[in-house]
């Protein structure tokens, strides 16, 4: 097996053994329920927060997904999402979230 293929296999093994990534659904409108349902159903993701300007709508979606924490405004959910980033994660994080 060539070196690049071996390296790729190691990367896949690391990803398979990694803890689920934490995600927030920002916006509980049209797409929000679909995204929340898919994150919740996947073993690769931990649905950590639901955020919406309409707190009642966010609370309704959170209840349907097993009492996921609700936040408003969106910046208040950052603490719930923080984790140690790994080199395997795609993380284009806006500068405002890093401050």
Protein backbone atom coordinates (compact mmCIF):
# COMPACT_ATOMS: atom_id res chain seq x y z
CA UNK A 1 0.00 0.00 0.00
CA UNK A 2 1.45 3.38 -0.91
CA UNK A 3 2.12 6.08 1.69
CA UNK A 4 -0.78 8.34 0.71
CA UNK A 5 -3.25 5.47 0.95
CA UNK A 6 -1.89 4.45 4.35
CA UNK A 7 -2.14 8.05 5.55
CA UNK A 8 -5.75 8.22 4.36
CA UNK A 9 -6.60 5.01 6.24
CA UNK A 10 -5.09 6.42 9.44
CA UNK A 11 -7.18 9.59 9.02
CA UNK A 12 -10.34 7.50 8.62
CA UNK A 13 -9.50 5.47 11.71
CA UNK A 14 -8.99 8.65 13.73
CA UNK A 15 -12.28 10.10 12.52
CA UNK A 16 -14.15 6.91 13.34
CA UNK A 17 -12.83 6.91 16.90
CA UNK A 18 -13.47 10.62 17.50
CA UNK A 19 -16.23 11.86 19.78
CA UNK A 20 -19.32 13.29 18.08
CA UNK A 21 -19.04 16.88 16.88
CA UNK A 22 -21.30 19.39 18.61
CA UNK A 23 -23.72 21.37 16.45
CA UNK A 24 -26.24 24.16 16.88
CA UNK A 25 -29.21 24.70 14.61
CA UNK A 26 -29.50 28.45 14.14
CA UNK A 27 -32.99 29.16 12.88
CA UNK A 28 -35.97 26.99 13.79
CA UNK A 29 -38.02 27.94 10.73
CA UNK A 30 -38.30 26.00 7.47
CA UNK A 31 -34.97 24.09 7.45
CA UNK A 32 -34.35 24.04 11.20
CA UNK A 33 -36.54 21.03 12.04
CA UNK A 34 -34.97 18.97 9.23
CA UNK A 35 -31.44 19.82 10.31
CA UNK A 36 -32.21 19.18 13.98
CA UNK A 37 -33.77 15.80 13.21
CA UNK A 38 -30.77 14.73 11.10
CA UNK A 39 -28.19 15.88 13.67
CA UNK A 40 -30.12 14.10 16.43
CA UNK A 41 -30.37 10.86 14.43
CA UNK A 42 -26.67 10.73 13.56
CA UNK A 43 -24.12 9.11 15.89
CA UNK A 44 -21.52 11.52 14.47
CA UNK A 45 -23.22 14.65 15.83
CA UNK A 46 -24.38 15.96 19.20
CA UNK A 47 -27.22 18.45 18.84
CA UNK A 48 -26.09 20.92 21.48
CA UNK A 49 -28.37 23.92 20.89
CA UNK A 50 -31.28 25.38 18.98
CA UNK A 51 -31.29 29.12 18.39
CA UNK A 52 -34.03 31.32 16.99
CA UNK A 53 -35.14 34.92 17.43
CA UNK A 54 -38.60 33.52 18.24
CA UNK A 55 -37.90 31.76 21.53
CA UNK A 56 -41.27 29.95 21.50
CA UNK A 57 -40.54 28.43 18.09
CA UNK A 58 -37.07 27.36 19.26
CA UNK A 59 -38.52 25.85 22.44
CA UNK A 60 -41.12 23.88 20.46
CA UNK A 61 -38.42 22.43 18.18
CA UNK A 62 -36.15 21.68 21.15
CA UNK A 63 -38.95 19.77 22.87
CA UNK A 64 -39.58 17.72 19.74
CA UNK A 65 -35.88 16.77 19.70
CA UNK A 66 -35.63 15.71 23.32
CA UNK A 67 -35.24 18.97 25.23
CA UNK A 68 -32.19 20.36 23.47
CA UNK A 69 -30.99 23.63 25.07
CA UNK A 70 -32.51 26.81 23.57
CA UNK A 71 -30.56 30.04 23.15
CA UNK A 72 -31.30 33.56 21.97
CA UNK A 73 -29.40 35.48 20.67
CA UNK A 74 -27.15 33.10 18.72
CA UNK A 75 -23.95 34.34 20.38
CA UNK A 76 -25.15 32.96 23.71
CA UNK A 77 -24.85 29.37 22.43
CA UNK A 78 -21.09 29.56 21.81
CA UNK A 79 -20.19 28.23 25.25
CA UNK A 80 -22.39 25.18 24.67
CA UNK A 81 -20.54 24.43 21.44
CA UNK A 82 -16.94 24.99 22.49
CA UNK A 83 -14.70 21.99 22.28
CA UNK A 84 -11.09 21.24 21.57
CA UNK A 85 -10.78 21.44 17.80
CA UNK A 86 -9.02 18.59 16.06
CA UNK A 87 -7.05 18.79 12.88
CA UNK A 88 -9.70 16.59 11.27
CA UNK A 89 -12.47 19.14 11.65
CA UNK A 90 -13.38 21.58 8.94
CA UNK A 91 -13.70 24.78 10.94
CA UNK A 92 -14.16 28.03 9.05
CA UNK A 93 -15.05 30.01 12.18
CA UNK A 94 -15.81 33.72 11.84
CA UNK A 95 -13.37 36.02 13.62
CA UNK A 96 -16.19 37.42 15.77
CA UNK A 97 -16.72 33.99 17.31
CA UNK A 98 -13.06 33.68 18.20
CA UNK A 99 -13.00 36.88 20.23
